[in-house]
Amino acid sequence: IVRYQDGKEAVTGYQYEPWHIRYVGKELADEMYKTNQVME
């Protein structure tokens, strides 16, 4: 997943980082991609 998404700074606590990816496994990554959400 792209961990720190654009517009989610108040949620993640960090600026948008399109280069920072985080491994969570395909199952969760697919679900988060569909819902357009960060982990928090």
ModelCIF file with pLDDT and N, C-alpha, C, O atoms, coordinates in Angstrom:
data_MODEL
#
_entry.id   MODEL 
#
_entity.id                         1 
_entity.type                       polymer 
_entity.pdbx_number_of_molecules   1 
#
_entity_poly.entity_id                      1 
_entity_poly.type                           'polypeptide(L)' 
_entity_poly.nstd_linkage                   no 
_entity_poly.nstd_monomer                   no 
_entity_poly.pdbx_seq_one_letter_code       IVRYQDGKEAVTGYQYEPWHIRYVGKELADEMYKTNQVME 
_entity_poly.pdbx_seq_one_letter_code_can   IVRYQDGKEAVTGYQYEPWHIRYVGKELADEMYKTNQVME 
_entity_poly.pdbx_strand_id                 A 
#
loop_
_entity_poly_seq.entity_id 
_entity_poly_seq.num 
_entity_poly_seq.mon_id 
_entity_poly_seq.hetero 
1 1  ILE n 
1 2  VAL n 
1 3  ARG n 
1 4  TYR n 
1 5  GLN n 
1 6  ASP n 
1 7  GLY n 
1 8  LYS n 
1 9  GLU n 
1 10 ALA n 
1 11 VAL n 
1 12 THR n 
1 13 GLY n 
1 14 TYR n 
1 15 GLN n 
1 16 TYR n 
1 17 GLU n 
1 18 PRO n 
1 19 TRP n 
1 20 HIS n 
1 21 ILE n 
1 22 ARG n 
1 23 TYR n 
1 24 VAL n 
1 25 GLY n 
1 26 LYS n 
1 27 GLU n 
1 28 LEU n 
1 29 ALA n 
1 30 ASP n 
1 31 GLU n 
1 32 MET n 
1 33 TYR n 
1 34 LYS n 
1 35 THR n 
1 36 ASN n 
1 37 GLN n 
1 38 VAL n 
1 39 MET n 
1 40 GLU n 
#
_struct_asym.id          A 
_struct_asym.entity_id   1 
#
loop_
_ma_qa_metric.id 
_ma_qa_metric.mode 
_ma_qa_metric.name 
_ma_qa_metric.software_group_id 
_ma_qa_metric.type 
1 global pLDDT . pLDDT 
2 local  pLDDT . pLDDT 
#
_ma_qa_metric_global.metric_id      1 
_ma_qa_metric_global.metric_value   96.75 
_ma_qa_metric_global.model_id       1 
_ma_qa_metric_global.ordinal_id     1 
#
loop_
_ma_qa_metric_local.label_asym_id 
_ma_qa_metric_local.label_comp_id 
_ma_qa_metric_local.label_seq_id 
_ma_qa_metric_local.metric_id 
_ma_qa_metric_local.metric_value 
_ma_qa_metric_local.model_id 
_ma_qa_metric_local.ordinal_id 
A ILE 1  2 98.00 1 1  
A VAL 2  2 98.00 1 2  
A ARG 3  2 98.00 1 3  
A TYR 4  2 97.00 1 4  
A GLN 5  2 96.00 1 5  
A ASP 6  2 96.00 1 6  
A GLY 7  2 96.00 1 7  
A LYS 8  2 96.00 1 8  
A GLU 9  2 95.00 1 9  
A ALA 10 2 95.00 1 10 
A VAL 11 2 96.00 1 11 
A THR 12 2 96.00 1 12 
A GLY 13 2 95.00 1 13 
A TYR 14 2 96.00 1 14 
A GLN 15 2 96.00 1 15 
A TYR 16 2 97.00 1 16 
A GLU 17 2 98.00 1 17 
A PRO 18 2 98.00 1 18 
A TRP 19 2 98.00 1 19 
A HIS 20 2 98.00 1 20 
A ILE 21 2 98.00 1 21 
A ARG 22 2 98.00 1 22 
A TYR 23 2 98.00 1 23 
A VAL 24 2 98.00 1 24 
A GLY 25 2 98.00 1 25 
A LYS 26 2 97.00 1 26 
A GLU 27 2 96.00 1 27 
A LEU 28 2 97.00 1 28 
A ALA 29 2 98.00 1 29 
A ASP 30 2 97.00 1 30 
A GLU 31 2 97.00 1 31 
A MET 32 2 96.00 1 32 
A TYR 33 2 97.00 1 33 
A LYS 34 2 96.00 1 34 
A THR 35 2 94.00 1 35 
A ASN 36 2 95.00 1 36 
A GLN 37 2 96.00 1 37 
A VAL 38 2 97.00 1 38 
A MET 39 2 97.00 1 39 
A GLU 40 2 97.00 1 40 
#
loop_
_atom_site.group_PDB 
_atom_site.id 
_atom_site.type_symbol 
_atom_site.label_atom_id 
_atom_site.label_alt_id 
_atom_site.label_comp_id 
_atom_site.label_asym_id 
_atom_site.label_entity_id 
_atom_site.label_seq_id 
_atom_site.pdbx_PDB_ins_code 
_atom_site.Cartn_x 
_atom_site.Cartn_y 
_atom_site.Cartn_z 
_atom_site.occupancy 
_atom_site.B_iso_or_equiv 
_atom_site.pdbx_formal_charge 
_atom_site.auth_seq_id 
_atom_site.auth_comp_id 
_atom_site.auth_asym_id 
_atom_site.auth_atom_id 
_atom_site.pdbx_PDB_model_num 
ATOM 1   N N  . ILE A 1 1  ? 0.859   -1.183 0.000  1.00 98.00 ? 1  ILE A N  1 
ATOM 2   C CA . ILE A 1 1  ? 0.000   0.000  0.000  1.00 98.00 ? 1  ILE A CA 1 
ATOM 3   C C  . ILE A 1 1  ? 0.898   1.237  0.000  1.00 98.00 ? 1  ILE A C  1 
ATOM 4   O O  . ILE A 1 1  ? 2.021   1.202  0.504  1.00 98.00 ? 1  ILE A O  1 
ATOM 5   N N  . VAL A 1 2  ? 0.391   2.326  -0.570 1.00 98.00 ? 2  VAL A N  1 
ATOM 6   C CA . VAL A 1 2  ? 1.053   3.619  -0.417 1.00 98.00 ? 2  VAL A CA 1 
ATOM 7   C C  . VAL A 1 2  ? 0.613   4.100  0.954  1.00 98.00 ? 2  VAL A C  1 
ATOM 8   O O  . VAL A 1 2  ? -0.534  4.506  1.141  1.00 98.00 ? 2  VAL A O  1 
ATOM 9   N N  . ARG A 1 3  ? 1.519   4.053  1.900  1.00 98.00 ? 3  ARG A N  1 
ATOM 10  C CA . ARG A 1 3  ? 1.155   4.222  3.315  1.00 98.00 ? 3  ARG A CA 1 
ATOM 11  C C  . ARG A 1 3  ? 0.674   5.622  3.677  1.00 98.00 ? 3  ARG A C  1 
ATOM 12  O O  . ARG A 1 3  ? -0.283  5.772  4.437  1.00 98.00 ? 3  ARG A O  1 
ATOM 13  N N  . TYR A 1 4  ? 1.327   6.641  3.142  1.00 97.00 ? 4  TYR A N  1 
ATOM 14  C CA . TYR A 1 4  ? 0.978   8.017  3.514  1.00 97.00 ? 4  TYR A CA 1 
ATOM 15  C C  . TYR A 1 4  ? 0.370   8.718  2.306  1.00 97.00 ? 4  TYR A C  1 
ATOM 16  O O  . TYR A 1 4  ? 1.076   9.272  1.464  1.00 97.00 ? 4  TYR A O  1 
ATOM 17  N N  . GLN A 1 5  ? -0.956  8.679  2.247  1.00 96.00 ? 5  GLN A N  1 
ATOM 18  C CA . GLN A 1 5  ? -1.672  9.145  1.075  1.00 96.00 ? 5  GLN A CA 1 
ATOM 19  C C  . GLN A 1 5  ? -1.941  10.646 1.088  1.00 96.00 ? 5  GLN A C  1 
ATOM 20  O O  . GLN A 1 5  ? -1.905  11.300 2.130  1.00 96.00 ? 5  GLN A O  1 
ATOM 21  N N  . ASP A 1 6  ? -2.209  11.162 -0.098 1.00 96.00 ? 6  ASP A N  1 
ATOM 22  C CA . ASP A 1 6  ? -2.535  12.570 -0.254 1.00 96.00 ? 6  ASP A CA 1 
ATOM 23  C C  . ASP A 1 6  ? -3.887  12.866 0.404  1.00 96.00 ? 6  ASP A C  1 
ATOM 24  O O  . ASP A 1 6  ? -4.863  12.149 0.183  1.00 96.00 ? 6  ASP A O  1 
ATOM 25  N N  . GLY A 1 7  ? -3.933  13.918 1.206  1.00 96.00 ? 7  GLY A N  1 
ATOM 26  C CA . GLY A 1 7  ? -5.175  14.298 1.868  1.00 96.00 ? 7  GLY A CA 1 
ATOM 27  C C  . GLY A 1 7  ? -5.423  13.583 3.174  1.00 96.00 ? 7  GLY A C  1 
ATOM 28  O O  . GLY A 1 7  ? -6.435  13.827 3.830  1.00 96.00 ? 7  GLY A O  1 
ATOM 29  N N  . LYS A 1 8  ? -4.504  12.690 3.571  1.00 96.00 ? 8  LYS A N  1 
ATOM 30  C CA . LYS A 1 8  ? -4.676  11.918 4.807  1.00 96.00 ? 8  LYS A CA 1 
ATOM 31  C C  . LYS A 1 8  ? -3.686  12.337 5.890  1.00 96.00 ? 8  LYS A C  1 
ATOM 32  O O  . LYS A 1 8  ? -3.479  11.612 6.863  1.00 96.00 ? 8  LYS A O  1 
ATOM 33  N N  . GLU A 1 9  ? -3.083  13.497 5.721  1.00 95.00 ? 9  GLU A N  1 
ATOM 34  C CA . GLU A 1 9  ? -2.037  13.940 6.641  1.00 95.00 ? 9  GLU A CA 1 
ATOM 35  C C  . GLU A 1 9  ? -2.513  14.015 8.092  1.00 95.00 ? 9  GLU A C  1 
ATOM 36  O O  . GLU A 1 9  ? -1.779  13.664 9.016  1.00 95.00 ? 9  GLU A O  1 
ATOM 37  N N  . ALA A 1 10 ? -3.742  14.475 8.276  1.00 95.00 ? 10 ALA A N  1 
ATOM 38  C CA . ALA A 1 10 ? -4.268  14.611 9.636  1.00 95.00 ? 10 ALA A CA 1 
ATOM 39  C C  . ALA A 1 10 ? -4.485  13.250 10.297 1.00 95.00 ? 10 ALA A C  1 
ATOM 40  O O  . ALA A 1 10 ? -4.532  13.147 11.523 1.00 95.00 ? 10 ALA A O  1 
ATOM 41  N N  . VAL A 1 11 ? -4.616  12.219 9.484  1.00 96.00 ? 11 VAL A N  1 
ATOM 42  C CA . VAL A 1 11 ? -4.854  10.861 10.001 1.00 96.00 ? 11 VAL A CA 1 
ATOM 43  C C  . VAL A 1 11 ? -3.541  10.134 10.260 1.00 96.00 ? 11 VAL A C  1 
ATOM 44  O O  . VAL A 1 11 ? -3.364  9.515  11.310 1.00 96.00 ? 11 VAL A O  1 
ATOM 45  N N  . THR A 1 12 ? -2.626  10.209 9.308  1.00 96.00 ? 12 THR A N  1 
ATOM 46  C CA . THR A 1 12 ? -1.359  9.474  9.434  1.00 96.00 ? 12 THR A CA 1 
ATOM 47  C C  . THR A 1 12 ? -0.325  10.232 10.257 1.00 96.00 ? 12 THR A C  1 
ATOM 48  O O  . THR A 1 12 ? 0.555   9.630  10.873 1.00 96.00 ? 12 THR A O  1 
ATOM 49  N N  . GLY A 1 13 ? -0.440  11.551 10.262 1.00 95.00 ? 13 GLY A N  1 
ATOM 50  C CA . GLY A 1 13 ? 0.548   12.368 10.979 1.00 95.00 ? 13 GLY A CA 1 
ATOM 51  C C  . GLY A 1 13 ? 1.741   12.740 10.129 1.00 95.00 ? 13 GLY A C  1 
ATOM 52  O O  . GLY A 1 13 ? 2.673   13.384 10.610 1.00 95.00 ? 13 GLY A O  1 
ATOM 53  N N  . TYR A 1 14 ? 1.722   12.335 8.851  1.00 96.00 ? 14 TYR A N  1 
ATOM 54  C CA . TYR A 1 14 ? 2.838   12.619 7.954  1.00 96.00 ? 14 TYR A CA 1 
ATOM 55  C C  . TYR A 1 14 ? 2.335   13.183 6.628  1.00 96.00 ? 14 TYR A C  1 
ATOM 56  O O  . TYR A 1 14 ? 1.191   12.964 6.230  1.00 96.00 ? 14 TYR A O  1 
ATOM 57  N N  . GLN A 1 15 ? 3.215   13.909 5.965  1.00 96.00 ? 15 GLN A N  1 
ATOM 58  C CA . GLN A 1 15 ? 2.886   14.468 4.663  1.00 96.00 ? 15 GLN A CA 1 
ATOM 59  C C  . GLN A 1 15 ? 2.704   13.350 3.638  1.00 96.00 ? 15 GLN A C  1 
ATOM 60  O O  . GLN A 1 15 ? 3.064   12.199 3.885  1.00 96.00 ? 15 GLN A O  1 
ATOM 61  N N  . TYR A 1 16 ? 2.150   13.702 2.506  1.00 97.00 ? 16 TYR A N  1 
ATOM 62  C CA . TYR A 1 16 ? 1.958   12.771 1.404  1.00 97.00 ? 16 TYR A CA 1 
ATOM 63  C C  . TYR A 1 16 ? 3.302   12.250 0.928  1.00 97.00 ? 16 TYR A C  1 
ATOM 64  O O  . TYR A 1 16 ? 4.193   13.030 0.590  1.00 97.00 ? 16 TYR A O  1 
ATOM 65  N N  . GLU A 1 17 ? 3.451   10.914 0.902  1.00 98.00 ? 17 GLU A N  1 
ATOM 66  C CA . GLU A 1 17 ? 4.696   10.295 0.455  1.00 98.00 ? 17 GLU A CA 1 
ATOM 67  C C  . GLU A 1 17 ? 4.385   9.217  -0.588 1.00 98.00 ? 17 GLU A C  1 
ATOM 68  O O  . GLU A 1 17 ? 4.254   8.042  -0.243 1.00 98.00 ? 17 GLU A O  1 
ATOM 69  N N  . PRO A 1 18 ? 4.268   9.604  -1.845 1.00 98.00 ? 18 PRO A N  1 
ATOM 70  C CA . PRO A 1 18 ? 3.929   8.626  -2.890 1.00 98.00 ? 18 PRO A CA 1 
ATOM 71  C C  . PRO A 1 18 ? 4.996   7.581  -3.132 1.00 98.00 ? 18 PRO A C  1 
ATOM 72  O O  . PRO A 1 18 ? 4.758   6.597  -3.832 1.00 98.00 ? 18 PRO A O  1 
ATOM 73  N N  . TRP A 1 19 ? 6.166   7.787  -2.561 1.00 98.00 ? 19 TRP A N  1 
ATOM 74  C CA . TRP A 1 19 ? 7.293   6.861  -2.743 1.00 98.00 ? 19 TRP A CA 1 
ATOM 75  C C  . TRP A 1 19 ? 7.371   5.787  -1.652 1.00 98.00 ? 19 TRP A C  1 
ATOM 76  O O  . TRP A 1 19 ? 8.063   4.784  -1.822 1.00 98.00 ? 19 TRP A O  1 
ATOM 77  N N  . HIS A 1 20 ? 6.671   5.991  -0.541 1.00 98.00 ? 20 HIS A N  1 
ATOM 78  C CA . HIS A 1 20 ? 6.787   5.096  0.624  1.00 98.00 ? 20 HIS A CA 1 
ATOM 79  C C  . HIS A 1 20 ? 5.700   4.027  0.563  1.00 98.00 ? 20 HIS A C  1 
ATOM 80  O O  . HIS A 1 20 ? 4.515   4.320  0.722  1.00 98.00 ? 20 HIS A O  1 
ATOM 81  N N  . ILE A 1 21 ? 6.121   2.782  0.330  1.00 98.00 ? 21 ILE A N  1 
ATOM 82  C CA . ILE A 1 21 ? 5.152   1.689  0.279  1.00 98.00 ? 21 ILE A CA 1 
ATOM 83  C C  . ILE A 1 21 ? 5.385   0.733  1.441  1.00 98.00 ? 21 ILE A C  1 
ATOM 84  O O  . ILE A 1 21 ? 6.502   0.585  1.938  1.00 98.00 ? 21 ILE A O  1 
ATOM 85  N N  . ARG A 1 22 ? 4.326   0.103  1.850  1.00 98.00 ? 22 ARG A N  1 
ATOM 86  C CA . ARG A 1 22 ? 4.366   -0.778 3.018  1.00 98.00 ? 22 ARG A CA 1 
ATOM 87  C C  . ARG A 1 22 ? 3.715   -2.108 2.664  1.00 98.00 ? 22 ARG A C  1 
ATOM 88  O O  . ARG A 1 22 ? 2.616   -2.133 2.109  1.00 98.00 ? 22 ARG A O  1 
ATOM 89  N N  . TYR A 1 23 ? 4.379   -3.204 2.978  1.00 98.00 ? 23 TYR A N  1 
ATOM 90  C CA . TYR A 1 23 ? 3.837   -4.537 2.695  1.00 98.00 ? 23 TYR A CA 1 
ATOM 91  C C  . TYR A 1 23 ? 2.845   -4.953 3.772  1.00 98.00 ? 23 TYR A C  1 
ATOM 92  O O  . TYR A 1 23 ? 3.152   -4.898 4.963  1.00 98.00 ? 23 TYR A O  1 
ATOM 93  N N  . VAL A 1 24 ? 1.648   -5.370 3.347  1.00 98.00 ? 24 VAL A N  1 
ATOM 94  C CA . VAL A 1 24 ? 0.620   -5.872 4.273  1.00 98.00 ? 24 VAL A CA 1 
ATOM 95  C C  . VAL A 1 24 ? 0.019   -7.186 3.768  1.00 98.00 ? 24 VAL A C  1 
ATOM 96  O O  . VAL A 1 24 ? -0.829  -7.774 4.440  1.00 98.00 ? 24 VAL A O  1 
ATOM 97  N N  . GLY A 1 25 ? 0.448   -7.649 2.596  1.00 98.00 ? 25 GLY A N  1 
ATOM 98  C CA . GLY A 1 25 ? -0.131  -8.850 1.996  1.00 98.00 ? 25 GLY A CA 1 
ATOM 99  C C  . GLY A 1 25 ? -1.223  -8.465 1.001  1.00 98.00 ? 25 GLY A C  1 
ATOM 100 O O  . GLY A 1 25 ? -1.872  -7.432 1.159  1.00 98.00 ? 25 GLY A O  1 
ATOM 101 N N  . LYS A 1 26 ? -1.424  -9.286 -0.012 1.00 97.00 ? 26 LYS A N  1 
ATOM 102 C CA . LYS A 1 26 ? -2.372  -8.970 -1.083 1.00 97.00 ? 26 LYS A CA 1 
ATOM 103 C C  . LYS A 1 26 ? -3.804  -8.798 -0.587 1.00 97.00 ? 26 LYS A C  1 
ATOM 104 O O  . LYS A 1 26 ? -4.525  -7.915 -1.051 1.00 97.00 ? 26 LYS A O  1 
ATOM 105 N N  . GLU A 1 27 ? -4.211  -9.642 0.353  1.00 96.00 ? 27 GLU A N  1 
ATOM 106 C CA . GLU A 1 27 ? -5.589  -9.605 0.829  1.00 96.00 ? 27 GLU A CA 1 
ATOM 107 C C  . GLU A 1 27 ? -5.956  -8.225 1.367  1.00 96.00 ? 27 GLU A C  1 
ATOM 108 O O  . GLU A 1 27 ? -6.950  -7.635 0.944  1.00 96.00 ? 27 GLU A O  1 
ATOM 109 N N  . LEU A 1 28 ? -5.161  -7.717 2.290  1.00 97.00 ? 28 LEU A N  1 
ATOM 110 C CA . LEU A 1 28 ? -5.436  -6.416 2.886  1.00 97.00 ? 28 LEU A CA 1 
ATOM 111 C C  . LEU A 1 28 ? -5.153  -5.289 1.900  1.00 97.00 ? 28 LEU A C  1 
ATOM 112 O O  . LEU A 1 28 ? -5.898  -4.311 1.845  1.00 97.00 ? 28 LEU A O  1 
ATOM 113 N N  . ALA A 1 29 ? -4.093  -5.417 1.130  1.00 98.00 ? 29 ALA A N  1 
ATOM 114 C CA . ALA A 1 29 ? -3.747  -4.368 0.165  1.00 98.00 ? 29 ALA A CA 1 
ATOM 115 C C  . ALA A 1 29 ? -4.877  -4.156 -0.837 1.00 98.00 ? 29 ALA A C  1 
ATOM 116 O O  . ALA A 1 29 ? -5.205  -3.015 -1.162 1.00 98.00 ? 29 ALA A O  1 
ATOM 117 N N  . ASP A 1 30 ? -5.474  -5.235 -1.329 1.00 97.00 ? 30 ASP A N  1 
ATOM 118 C CA . ASP A 1 30 ? -6.598  -5.134 -2.264 1.00 97.00 ? 30 ASP A CA 1 
ATOM 119 C C  . ASP A 1 30 ? -7.775  -4.412 -1.617 1.00 97.00 ? 30 ASP A C  1 
ATOM 120 O O  . ASP A 1 30 ? -8.393  -3.537 -2.224 1.00 97.00 ? 30 ASP A O  1 
ATOM 121 N N  . GLU A 1 31 ? -8.073  -4.788 -0.381 1.00 97.00 ? 31 GLU A N  1 
ATOM 122 C CA . GLU A 1 31 ? -9.214  -4.205 0.326  1.00 97.00 ? 31 GLU A CA 1 
ATOM 123 C C  . GLU A 1 31 ? -8.992  -2.710 0.576  1.00 97.00 ? 31 GLU A C  1 
ATOM 124 O O  . GLU A 1 31 ? -9.913  -1.911 0.408  1.00 97.00 ? 31 GLU A O  1 
ATOM 125 N N  . MET A 1 32 ? -7.801  -2.339 0.967  1.00 96.00 ? 32 MET A N  1 
ATOM 126 C CA . MET A 1 32 ? -7.511  -0.934 1.250  1.00 96.00 ? 32 MET A CA 1 
ATOM 127 C C  . MET A 1 32 ? -7.482  -0.110 -0.038 1.00 96.00 ? 32 MET A C  1 
ATOM 128 O O  . MET A 1 32 ? -7.853  1.064  -0.039 1.00 96.00 ? 32 MET A O  1 
ATOM 129 N N  . TYR A 1 33 ? -7.046  -0.722 -1.114 1.00 97.00 ? 33 TYR A N  1 
ATOM 130 C CA . TYR A 1 33 ? -7.046  -0.026 -2.409 1.00 97.00 ? 33 TYR A CA 1 
ATOM 131 C C  . TYR A 1 33 ? -8.473  0.272  -2.837 1.00 97.00 ? 33 TYR A C  1 
ATOM 132 O O  . TYR A 1 33 ? -8.765  1.362  -3.329 1.00 97.00 ? 33 TYR A O  1 
ATOM 133 N N  . LYS A 1 34 ? -9.363  -0.699 -2.649 1.00 96.00 ? 34 LYS A N  1 
ATOM 134 C CA . LYS A 1 34 ? -10.763 -0.518 -3.039 1.00 96.00 ? 34 LYS A CA 1 
ATOM 135 C C  . LYS A 1 34 ? -11.456 0.544  -2.192 1.00 96.00 ? 34 LYS A C  1 
ATOM 136 O O  . LYS A 1 34 ? -12.270 1.316  -2.698 1.00 96.00 ? 34 LYS A O  1 
ATOM 137 N N  . THR A 1 35 ? -11.133 0.580  -0.913 1.00 94.00 ? 35 THR A N  1 
ATOM 138 C CA . THR A 1 35 ? -11.799 1.521  -0.014 1.00 94.00 ? 35 THR A CA 1 
ATOM 139 C C  . THR A 1 35 ? -11.086 2.870  0.075  1.00 94.00 ? 35 THR A C  1 
ATOM 140 O O  . THR A 1 35 ? -11.609 3.818  0.662  1.00 94.00 ? 35 THR A O  1 
ATOM 141 N N  . ASN A 1 36 ? -9.881  2.951  -0.515 1.00 95.00 ? 36 ASN A N  1 
ATOM 142 C CA . ASN A 1 36 ? -9.104  4.191  -0.510 1.00 95.00 ? 36 ASN A CA 1 
ATOM 143 C C  . ASN A 1 36 ? -8.900  4.720  0.912  1.00 95.00 ? 36 ASN A C  1 
ATOM 144 O O  . ASN A 1 36 ? -9.137  5.894  1.197  1.00 95.00 ? 36 ASN A O  1 
ATOM 145 N N  . GLN A 1 37 ? -8.461  3.832  1.782  1.00 96.00 ? 37 GLN A N  1 
ATOM 146 C CA . GLN A 1 37 ? -8.238  4.208  3.174  1.00 96.00 ? 37 GLN A CA 1 
ATOM 147 C C  . GLN A 1 37 ? -6.794  3.919  3.596  1.00 96.00 ? 37 GLN A C  1 
ATOM 148 O O  . GLN A 1 37 ? -6.118  3.072  3.012  1.00 96.00 ? 37 GLN A O  1 
ATOM 149 N N  . VAL A 1 38 ? -6.341  4.639  4.618  1.00 97.00 ? 38 VAL A N  1 
ATOM 150 C CA . VAL A 1 38 ? -5.050  4.337  5.232  1.00 97.00 ? 38 VAL A CA 1 
ATOM 151 C C  . VAL A 1 38 ? -5.325  3.399  6.402  1.00 97.00 ? 38 VAL A C  1 
ATOM 152 O O  . VAL A 1 38 ? -6.481  3.198  6.773  1.00 97.00 ? 38 VAL A O  1 
ATOM 153 N N  . MET A 1 39 ? -4.293  2.832  6.976  1.00 97.00 ? 39 MET A N  1 
ATOM 154 C CA . MET A 1 39 ? -4.467  1.809  8.001  1.00 97.00 ? 39 MET A CA 1 
ATOM 155 C C  . MET A 1 39 ? -5.252  2.313  9.207  1.00 97.00 ? 39 MET A C  1 
ATOM 156 O O  . MET A 1 39 ? -6.082  1.589  9.757  1.00 97.00 ? 39 MET A O  1 
ATOM 157 N N  . GLU A 1 40 ? -4.995  3.540  9.617  1.00 97.00 ? 40 GLU A N  1 
ATOM 158 C CA . GLU A 1 40 ? -5.696  4.090  10.785 1.00 97.00 ? 40 GLU A CA 1 
ATOM 159 C C  . GLU A 1 40 ? -7.199  4.167  10.528 1.00 97.00 ? 40 GLU A C  1 
ATOM 160 O O  . GLU A 1 40 ? -7.952  4.605  11.397 1.00 97.00 ? 40 GLU A O  1 
#
